């Protein structure tokens, strides 16, 4: 395991709970919204230490912010980085318990 030079709770912001990501539990995967600057190795280390599970793979998605209108005013949503974490066989994370 690599040396931790960052705060674990700054990397994992919150679990992503949508209809699509809850279906990932069938494939032993969990989705998180993570810090934009975090790497796959940092995400893997943080999930393993916070949830006490073994991670086999981490896939990341960078979602660019959209331009939206609200009551006639134009605003921009921020960029979001998502991580889909594949757990080893027999490992589970109870998302309802929180961080």
Protein backbone atom coordinates (compact mmCIF):
# COMPACT_ATOMS: atom_id res chain seq x y z
CA UNK A 1 0.00 0.00 0.00
CA UNK A 2 1.28 3.46 -0.84
CA UNK A 3 2.07 6.14 1.71
CA UNK A 4 -0.99 8.29 2.43
CA UNK A 5 -0.19 11.99 2.03
CA UNK A 6 -3.80 13.10 1.76
CA UNK A 7 -6.98 12.96 3.78
CA UNK A 8 -9.17 9.97 3.02
CA UNK A 9 -12.41 11.84 3.51
CA UNK A 10 -11.31 14.54 1.06
CA UNK A 11 -10.98 11.94 -1.69
CA UNK A 12 -14.33 10.17 -1.31
CA UNK A 13 -16.97 12.88 -1.19
CA UNK A 14 -20.10 10.73 -1.12
CA UNK A 15 -21.54 7.51 -2.59
CA UNK A 16 -23.49 7.98 -5.80
CA UNK A 17 -26.96 6.54 -5.32
CA UNK A 18 -29.04 6.52 -8.48
CA UNK A 19 -31.19 3.94 -10.18
CA UNK A 20 -28.37 3.09 -12.57
CA UNK A 21 -25.63 2.83 -9.94
CA UNK A 22 -27.70 0.65 -7.62
CA UNK A 23 -27.82 -1.92 -10.42
CA UNK A 24 -24.01 -2.09 -10.24
CA UNK A 25 -24.31 -4.06 -6.98
CA UNK A 26 -25.24 -7.07 -9.14
CA UNK A 27 -21.68 -6.90 -10.52
CA UNK A 28 -20.06 -6.27 -7.11
CA UNK A 29 -19.44 -2.59 -7.94
CA UNK A 30 -20.08 0.66 -6.06
CA UNK A 31 -20.06 4.24 -7.41
CA UNK A 32 -18.67 7.30 -5.61
CA UNK A 33 -18.28 10.98 -6.35
CA UNK A 34 -14.64 11.77 -5.70
CA UNK A 35 -12.30 14.75 -5.66
CA UNK A 36 -11.39 15.96 -9.17
CA UNK A 37 -7.65 15.76 -8.44
CA UNK A 38 -7.59 12.23 -7.00
CA UNK A 39 -5.94 9.33 -8.82
CA UNK A 40 -7.14 5.74 -9.16
CA UNK A 41 -4.57 4.54 -6.62
CA UNK A 42 -5.64 7.17 -4.09
CA UNK A 43 -9.30 6.22 -4.57
CA UNK A 44 -8.47 2.54 -4.14
CA UNK A 45 -6.50 3.17 -0.92
CA UNK A 46 -9.22 5.43 0.50
CA UNK A 47 -12.05 2.94 -0.18
CA UNK A 48 -10.04 0.06 1.29
CA UNK A 49 -9.21 1.96 4.49
CA UNK A 50 -12.58 3.67 5.05
CA UNK A 51 -14.81 0.66 4.29
CA UNK A 52 -12.38 -2.18 5.23
CA UNK A 53 -12.81 -4.03 1.92
CA UNK A 54 -10.48 -5.25 -0.84
CA UNK A 55 -10.75 -3.40 -4.17
CA UNK A 56 -9.82 -5.16 -7.40
CA UNK A 57 -10.36 -2.33 -9.92
CA UNK A 58 -11.19 1.39 -10.12
CA UNK A 59 -12.67 3.11 -13.18
CA UNK A 60 -13.09 6.88 -13.28
CA UNK A 61 -15.36 9.18 -15.26
CA UNK A 62 -14.84 12.94 -15.66
CA UNK A 63 -18.19 14.66 -16.21
CA UNK A 64 -17.90 18.23 -17.47
CA UNK A 65 -20.23 20.86 -16.01
CA UNK A 66 -23.28 21.90 -18.01
CA UNK A 67 -24.61 25.35 -18.75
CA UNK A 68 -28.11 25.64 -17.29
CA UNK A 69 -30.77 28.34 -17.06
CA UNK A 70 -32.71 28.98 -13.88
CA UNK A 71 -35.37 31.71 -13.85
CA UNK A 72 -33.80 33.35 -16.89
CA UNK A 73 -30.28 33.44 -15.47
CA UNK A 74 -27.48 31.40 -16.94
CA UNK A 75 -25.32 29.34 -14.61
CA UNK A 76 -22.73 26.61 -14.95
CA UNK A 77 -22.64 23.40 -12.96
CA UNK A 78 -19.27 22.31 -11.69
CA UNK A 79 -17.19 19.45 -13.09
CA UNK A 80 -17.66 16.10 -11.32
CA UNK A 81 -15.38 13.08 -11.13
CA UNK A 82 -17.04 9.72 -10.51
CA UNK A 83 -15.36 6.46 -9.56
CA UNK A 84 -16.80 3.01 -10.12
CA UNK A 85 -15.08 0.66 -7.70
CA UNK A 86 -15.09 -3.10 -8.32
CA UNK A 87 -14.77 -5.13 -5.14
CA UNK A 88 -13.19 -8.56 -4.83
CA UNK A 89 -15.48 -11.57 -4.51
CA UNK A 90 -17.20 -11.83 -1.16
CA UNK A 91 -16.68 -8.14 -0.31
CA UNK A 92 -19.64 -5.77 0.16
CA UNK A 93 -20.19 -2.14 1.16
CA UNK A 94 -23.37 -1.06 2.92
CA UNK A 95 -24.03 2.33 1.30
CA UNK A 96 -26.87 3.11 3.69
CA UNK A 97 -24.45 3.27 6.64
CA UNK A 98 -22.59 6.26 5.15
CA UNK A 99 -18.98 7.26 5.67
